[in-house]
Protein backbone atom coordinates (compact mmCIF):
# COMPACT_ATOMS: atom_id res chain seq x y z
CA MET A 1 118.34 97.64 97.88
CA THR A 2 114.71 98.77 97.92
CA PRO A 3 112.25 99.27 95.03
CA ARG A 4 112.46 102.60 93.22
CA LEU A 5 109.82 104.57 91.36
CA ARG A 6 110.51 105.71 87.81
CA THR A 7 109.91 109.40 88.41
CA ASP A 8 109.96 110.13 84.67
CA LEU A 9 106.75 108.07 84.35
CA ALA A 10 105.02 109.28 87.53
CA HIS A 11 101.53 110.73 87.11
CA PRO A 12 98.54 111.94 89.16
CA TRP A 13 96.08 109.30 90.38
CA ARG A 14 92.89 111.25 90.94
CA VAL A 15 91.97 111.95 87.34
CA SER A 16 89.00 111.49 85.01
CA HIS A 17 88.55 108.23 83.13
CA ALA A 18 89.54 109.98 79.92
CA ALA A 19 92.80 111.19 81.47
CA ALA A 20 93.38 107.77 83.06
CA ALA A 21 92.96 106.07 79.68
CA ASP A 22 95.53 108.44 78.17
CA ILE A 23 97.97 107.59 80.97
CA GLN A 24 97.39 103.87 80.41
CA ARG A 25 98.07 104.17 76.69
CA ARG A 26 101.25 106.13 77.37
CA LEU A 27 102.58 103.67 79.94
CA ALA A 28 101.59 100.65 77.83
CA ALA A 29 104.27 101.70 75.35
CA HIS A 30 106.86 100.94 78.06
CA VAL A 31 105.68 97.38 78.77
CA GLU A 32 108.28 94.74 77.93
CA LEU A 33 107.40 91.06 77.65
CA HIS A 34 110.70 89.23 77.89
CA SER A 35 110.92 85.64 76.76
CA SER A 36 111.39 83.03 79.48
CA ARG A 37 113.57 81.10 77.02
CA ALA A 38 116.55 83.40 77.56
CA THR A 39 120.13 82.16 77.83
CA GLU A 40 119.97 82.47 81.62
CA PRO A 41 116.63 81.27 83.06
CA PHE A 42 114.83 83.73 85.31
CA GLU A 43 114.82 82.21 88.80
CA PRO A 44 113.65 84.77 91.38
CA HIS A 45 115.06 84.48 94.89
CA ILE A 46 112.55 86.90 96.42
CA ALA A 47 108.95 87.34 95.32
CA ALA A 48 106.52 89.94 96.62
CA GLY A 49 102.75 90.03 96.67
CA VAL A 50 100.45 92.98 97.30
CA ASP A 51 96.83 92.93 98.40
CA VAL A 52 94.42 95.69 99.40
CA ALA A 53 91.60 95.27 101.94
CA TYR A 54 88.75 97.78 102.05
CA THR A 55 86.15 98.82 104.58
CA LYS A 56 82.61 97.80 103.69
CA ASP A 57 81.79 101.27 102.41
CA GLY A 58 84.99 101.38 100.35
CA THR A 59 86.21 104.66 101.83
CA HIS A 60 89.36 103.31 103.54
CA ALA A 61 91.92 100.75 102.44
CA TRP A 62 94.91 98.87 103.82
CA ALA A 63 97.57 97.82 101.30
CA VAL A 64 100.18 95.29 102.36
CA ALA A 65 103.28 94.18 100.45
CA VAL A 66 104.94 90.95 101.58
CA ALA A 67 108.25 89.58 100.29
CA LEU A 68 109.01 85.85 100.58
CA ASP A 69 112.12 83.80 99.94
CA GLN A 70 112.07 80.56 97.95
CA ARG A 71 111.06 78.59 101.05
CA PHE A 72 108.03 80.89 101.45
CA ARG A 73 109.46 82.59 104.51
CA VAL A 74 108.60 86.25 105.05
CA VAL A 75 111.71 88.41 104.63
CA ALA A 76 110.00 91.82 104.58
CA SER A 77 106.57 93.40 104.76
CA HIS A 78 105.07 96.87 104.74
CA ALA A 79 101.52 98.10 105.28
CA VAL A 80 99.95 101.43 104.42
CA HIS A 81 96.53 102.85 105.19
CA GLY A 82 94.72 105.50 103.22
CA GLU A 83 91.80 106.45 101.05
CA PRO A 84 91.41 104.86 97.62
CA ASP A 85 91.78 107.38 94.81
CA GLY A 86 88.42 106.58 93.25
CA PRO A 87 85.57 104.08 93.14
CA TYR A 88 86.00 100.76 91.39
CA ALA A 89 85.49 100.93 87.63
CA PRO A 90 86.30 98.12 85.15
CA GLY A 91 89.59 98.78 83.41
CA TYR A 92 90.68 101.42 85.95
CA LEU A 93 91.64 99.40 89.03
CA ALA A 94 95.06 101.09 89.19
CA PHE A 95 93.32 104.43 89.64
CA ARG A 96 91.60 103.04 92.72
CA GLU A 97 94.45 101.26 94.49
CA GLY A 98 97.62 101.78 92.45
CA ARG A 99 99.05 104.57 94.59
CA LEU A 100 98.58 102.58 97.82
CA THR A 101 100.03 99.50 96.13
CA LEU A 102 103.13 101.46 95.14
CA GLU A 103 103.52 102.93 98.63
CA ALA A 104 103.38 99.44 100.14
CA LEU A 105 106.02 98.11 97.74
CA LEU A 106 108.26 101.16 98.11
CA GLY A 107 108.18 100.60 101.88
CA LEU A 108 109.83 97.18 101.63
CA ASP A 109 113.45 97.10 102.77
CA VAL A 110 114.32 94.56 100.05
CA GLU A 111 113.82 94.74 96.30
CA PRO A 112 111.83 91.72 95.08
CA ASP A 113 112.86 89.92 91.91
CA VAL A 114 109.21 89.61 90.86
CA VAL A 115 105.88 91.01 92.07
CA PHE A 116 102.50 89.23 92.04
CA LEU A 117 99.41 91.45 91.96
CA ASP A 118 95.69 90.82 92.31
CA GLY A 119 94.93 92.50 89.00
CA HIS A 120 95.46 91.86 85.30
CA GLY A 121 98.62 92.54 83.32
CA VAL A 122 98.48 93.04 79.55
CA VAL A 123 95.03 91.43 79.39
CA HIS A 124 93.37 94.81 79.29
CA GLU A 125 91.73 96.86 76.54
CA ARG A 126 94.57 99.37 76.61
CA GLY A 127 97.26 96.79 77.45
CA LEU A 128 97.89 98.12 80.95
CA GLY A 129 96.12 96.42 83.81
CA LEU A 130 97.22 96.90 87.43
CA ALA A 131 100.14 94.43 87.18
CA SER A 132 101.54 96.10 84.06
CA HIS A 133 100.99 99.57 85.54
CA ILE A 134 102.92 98.78 88.72
CA GLY A 135 105.59 96.80 86.89
CA VAL A 136 106.34 99.68 84.52
CA LEU A 137 106.41 102.33 87.26
CA LEU A 138 108.88 100.27 89.32
CA ASP A 139 110.60 98.65 86.31
CA LEU A 140 110.24 95.25 88.00
CA PRO A 141 109.02 91.93 86.61
CA ALA A 142 105.32 91.78 87.47
CA ILE A 143 102.61 89.14 87.08
CA GLY A 144 98.86 89.59 87.33
CA VAL A 145 96.97 86.83 89.16
CA PRO A 146 93.38 88.00 89.71
CA LYS A 147 90.57 85.66 90.75
CA THR A 148 88.12 86.97 88.15
CA PRO A 149 88.56 87.11 84.37
CA PHE A 150 88.79 90.37 82.48
CA HIS A 151 86.41 89.08 79.85
CA ALA A 152 83.94 86.22 79.44
CA ILE A 153 85.42 82.72 79.73
CA ASP A 154 83.82 79.90 77.74
CA HIS A 155 85.32 76.96 79.67
CA GLU A 156 87.61 76.11 82.59
CA PRO A 157 90.92 74.23 82.74
CA GLY A 158 91.21 70.72 84.12
CA LEU A 159 90.70 70.09 87.82
CA ARG A 160 94.33 69.33 88.72
CA ARG A 161 96.96 71.78 89.92
CA GLY A 162 98.87 73.06 86.89
CA ASP A 163 96.04 72.55 84.39
CA TYR A 164 95.57 75.65 82.23
CA TYR A 165 94.58 76.94 78.84
CA VAL A 166 95.65 80.07 77.01
CA LEU A 167 93.20 82.87 76.32
CA THR A 168 93.68 85.17 73.34
CA LYS A 169 91.23 87.99 72.73
CA GLU A 170 90.59 90.59 70.09
CA TRP A 171 93.20 93.12 71.28
CA GLY A 172 95.93 90.51 70.98
CA ALA A 173 96.90 90.27 74.65
CA GLU A 174 97.43 86.82 76.08
CA GLY A 175 96.56 85.38 79.45
CA ALA A 176 95.81 81.96 80.88
CA SER A 177 93.15 80.40 83.04
CA ILE A 178 95.09 78.18 85.44
CA ARG A 179 94.37 76.06 88.48
CA LEU A 180 97.03 76.53 91.16
CA LYS A 181 95.24 74.30 93.66
CA SER A 182 93.46 71.11 92.65
CA GLY A 183 89.68 71.17 92.77
CA VAL A 184 89.22 74.90 93.44
CA LYS A 185 88.34 77.75 91.12
CA PRO A 186 91.09 78.80 88.69
CA VAL A 187 92.86 82.16 88.60
CA TYR A 188 93.75 84.24 85.56
CA VAL A 189 97.46 84.75 84.97
CA SER A 190 98.78 87.38 82.59
CA PRO A 191 102.25 88.90 82.18
CA GLY A 192 102.55 92.41 83.53
CA HIS A 193 106.07 93.59 82.71
CA ARG A 194 109.51 92.11 81.96
CA ILE A 195 108.18 88.56 81.55
CA ASP A 196 106.21 86.64 78.94
CA LEU A 197 103.17 84.41 79.35
CA ASP A 198 105.17 81.17 79.60
CA GLY A 199 107.29 82.68 82.34
CA ALA A 200 104.27 84.08 84.16
CA ILE A 201 102.61 80.66 84.21
CA ALA A 202 105.80 78.94 85.37
CA LEU A 203 106.38 81.41 88.20
CA ALA A 204 102.75 81.35 89.34
CA LEU A 205 103.17 77.60 89.78
CA ALA A 206 106.65 77.81 91.31
CA TRP A 207 105.50 80.32 93.93
CA SER A 208 102.28 78.50 94.86
CA SER A 209 101.35 75.28 96.59
CA GLU A 210 98.39 72.98 97.08
CA ARG A 211 97.46 74.99 100.18
CA HIS A 212 96.02 78.05 98.47
CA ARG A 213 94.26 79.18 95.31
CA VAL A 214 96.75 81.99 94.62
CA PRO A 215 100.57 82.26 94.81
CA GLU A 216 101.92 82.31 98.35
CA PRO A 217 103.11 85.96 98.28
CA LEU A 218 99.58 87.07 97.35
CA GLN A 219 97.99 84.85 99.98
CA ARG A 220 100.26 86.22 102.72
CA ALA A 221 99.56 89.77 101.60
CA HIS A 222 95.82 89.11 101.63
CA THR A 223 95.92 87.67 105.13
CA MET A 224 97.98 90.55 106.45
CA SER A 225 95.89 93.26 104.77
CA VAL A 226 92.67 91.82 106.23
CA CYS A 227 94.30 91.59 109.66
CA ALA A 228 95.52 95.20 109.42
CA ARG A 229 92.02 96.37 108.50
CA ASN A 230 90.35 94.36 111.24
CA GLU A 231 92.82 95.49 113.90
CA ALA A 232 92.03 99.08 112.94
CA GLY A 233 88.34 98.39 113.41
CA GLY A 234 87.45 98.39 109.70
CA GLN A 235 84.44 96.37 108.55
CA ALA A 236 84.76 93.56 106.06
CA SER A 237 84.37 94.45 102.40
């Protein structure tokens, strides 16, 4: 089985910020944050990560989706190349790289049980960061694990792997600053779709190691997207 797009929720990507905000508010109503304390614990067998590498001028991008098994072995990957749908703007990352991200995931020949994305989930002023956006459109559990916070952070978690603290801001969305590798900068986990914050934290830890700052599926996707860009002669971003 491969991932499938919810065609009833599909929308154009090259739109104004006003139209993008309306789309985000509409899709946010479809976000589900399931409790990790269900009768049957959620234990993914396959996890995917997606990363996008850009040329220095930002006019071309390479999106790579990588699916790993529980032993962190690659079971599927797919790369796409194209133009981003717009320049970067805070709160609108999906309208820069969401389409390419979807194309990379839809090209996998397996359906992942969970997807890690380098963008926020519900920690977003309209409740629909990149991870929530992609999760809703594919109706898959999704977790945001960006390296930068969505809003100002007043302190950091402890220095050991697994140290974290929960962030709650004025719009009510929750996320966590967490260290997935001891002694390096933390990342910012937030639930995207079909998982709650406790589950997102637990899976970010389960699918990471002391080798990298981010979960292994995201690290593999990053490495492969940079390689794809460099092999095509693209300059570093």
